[in-house]
Amino acid sequence: MIEHPTAVIKRLRHEIDLLGSQAAWASKHGFSPQYITDILHGRRDITDRLANALGFARVTVWKDMRREVGKILTAEEAKPIVYTRSDK
């Protein structure tokens, strides 16, 4: 199943709750507490290393958009959907 980045953050918050603190989770997984705080506040992007520590893996999926919509798309129509943080 393909997950939205918020699923990674939700799992991180859950695992932090299980260990009792951000510092405890960060120490157990080799991250700085500040980095974890920054992730939770949307100041840093989720890295592959963090996602992997939470049991997620980044995957790239190629989709034939021409087949999907039944026509040849213009360059503008074929732009990928990109999730971005709202504070940028």
Protein backbone atom coordinates (compact mmCIF):
# COMPACT_ATOMS: atom_id res chain seq x y z
CA MET A 1 0.00 0.00 0.00
CA ILE A 2 1.27 3.47 -0.87
CA GLU A 3 1.17 5.75 2.15
CA HIS A 4 1.01 9.54 2.39
CA PRO A 5 3.94 11.14 4.28
CA THR A 6 1.59 11.88 7.17
CA ALA A 7 1.45 8.12 7.85
CA VAL A 8 5.18 8.21 8.63
CA ILE A 9 4.70 11.09 11.07
CA LYS A 10 1.72 9.34 12.68
CA ARG A 11 3.80 6.20 13.25
CA LEU A 12 6.69 8.29 14.61
CA ARG A 13 4.36 9.95 17.13
CA HIS A 14 2.97 6.55 18.13
CA GLU A 15 6.42 5.03 18.66
CA ILE A 16 7.54 8.10 20.64
CA ASP A 17 4.50 7.63 22.88
CA LEU A 18 5.44 3.97 23.42
CA LEU A 19 8.99 4.90 24.49
CA GLY A 20 7.91 7.89 26.55
CA SER A 21 9.85 10.72 24.89
CA GLN A 22 11.28 12.06 21.66
CA ALA A 23 14.76 11.91 23.19
CA ALA A 24 14.37 8.21 24.04
CA TRP A 25 13.18 7.35 20.53
CA ALA A 26 15.93 9.44 18.93
CA SER A 27 18.63 7.83 21.06
CA LYS A 28 17.37 4.30 20.38
CA HIS A 29 17.43 4.87 16.60
CA GLY A 30 20.54 7.03 16.28
CA PHE A 31 18.95 10.42 15.59
CA SER A 32 19.38 13.70 17.41
CA PRO A 33 16.41 14.82 19.50
CA GLN A 34 16.44 18.16 17.63
CA TYR A 35 16.11 16.37 14.29
CA ILE A 36 13.04 14.49 15.54
CA THR A 37 11.54 17.73 16.86
CA ASP A 38 12.15 19.37 13.48
CA ILE A 39 10.48 16.46 11.65
CA LEU A 40 7.42 16.62 13.91
CA HIS A 41 7.10 20.38 13.38
CA GLY A 42 7.52 20.16 9.60
CA ARG A 43 10.86 21.97 9.54
CA ARG A 44 12.73 19.01 8.03
CA ASP A 45 11.83 16.48 5.35
CA ILE A 46 11.42 12.77 6.09
CA THR A 47 14.59 10.96 5.07
CA ASP A 48 14.85 7.37 3.88
CA ARG A 49 16.79 6.54 7.06
CA LEU A 50 13.99 7.82 9.30
CA ALA A 51 11.31 6.13 7.21
CA ASN A 52 13.24 2.85 7.35
CA ALA A 53 13.56 3.10 11.15
CA LEU A 54 9.76 3.26 11.22
CA GLY A 55 9.29 0.32 8.85
CA PHE A 56 8.59 2.34 5.70
CA ALA A 57 10.47 2.29 2.39
CA ARG A 58 10.46 4.90 -0.34
CA VAL A 59 9.24 3.54 -3.67
CA THR A 60 9.05 5.07 -7.12
CA VAL A 61 6.05 4.21 -9.23
CA TRP A 62 5.81 4.85 -12.95
CA LYS A 63 2.29 5.27 -14.25
CA ASP A 64 1.26 5.49 -17.89
CA MET A 65 -0.74 8.70 -17.76
CA ARG A 66 -1.68 8.47 -21.43
CA ARG A 67 -3.42 5.18 -20.81
CA GLU A 68 -4.97 6.53 -17.62
CA VAL A 69 -6.70 9.47 -19.27
CA GLY A 70 -7.05 8.01 -22.76
CA LYS A 71 -5.26 10.81 -24.59
CA ILE A 72 -1.82 12.26 -25.19
CA LEU A 73 -1.11 14.75 -22.45
CA THR A 74 0.57 18.11 -22.83
CA ALA A 75 3.72 18.74 -20.78
CA GLU A 76 1.68 20.81 -18.34
CA GLU A 77 -0.95 18.08 -17.90
CA ALA A 78 1.71 15.42 -17.36
CA LYS A 79 3.44 17.18 -14.43
CA PRO A 80 3.78 14.85 -11.44
CA ILE A 81 1.88 15.42 -8.24
CA VAL A 82 4.30 16.46 -5.52
CA TYR A 83 3.49 16.67 -1.84
CA THR A 84 5.10 19.69 -0.20
CA ARG A 85 5.13 21.07 3.28
CA SER A 86 2.71 23.95 3.75
CA ASP A 87 5.30 26.19 5.47
CA LYS A 88 7.48 26.62 2.37
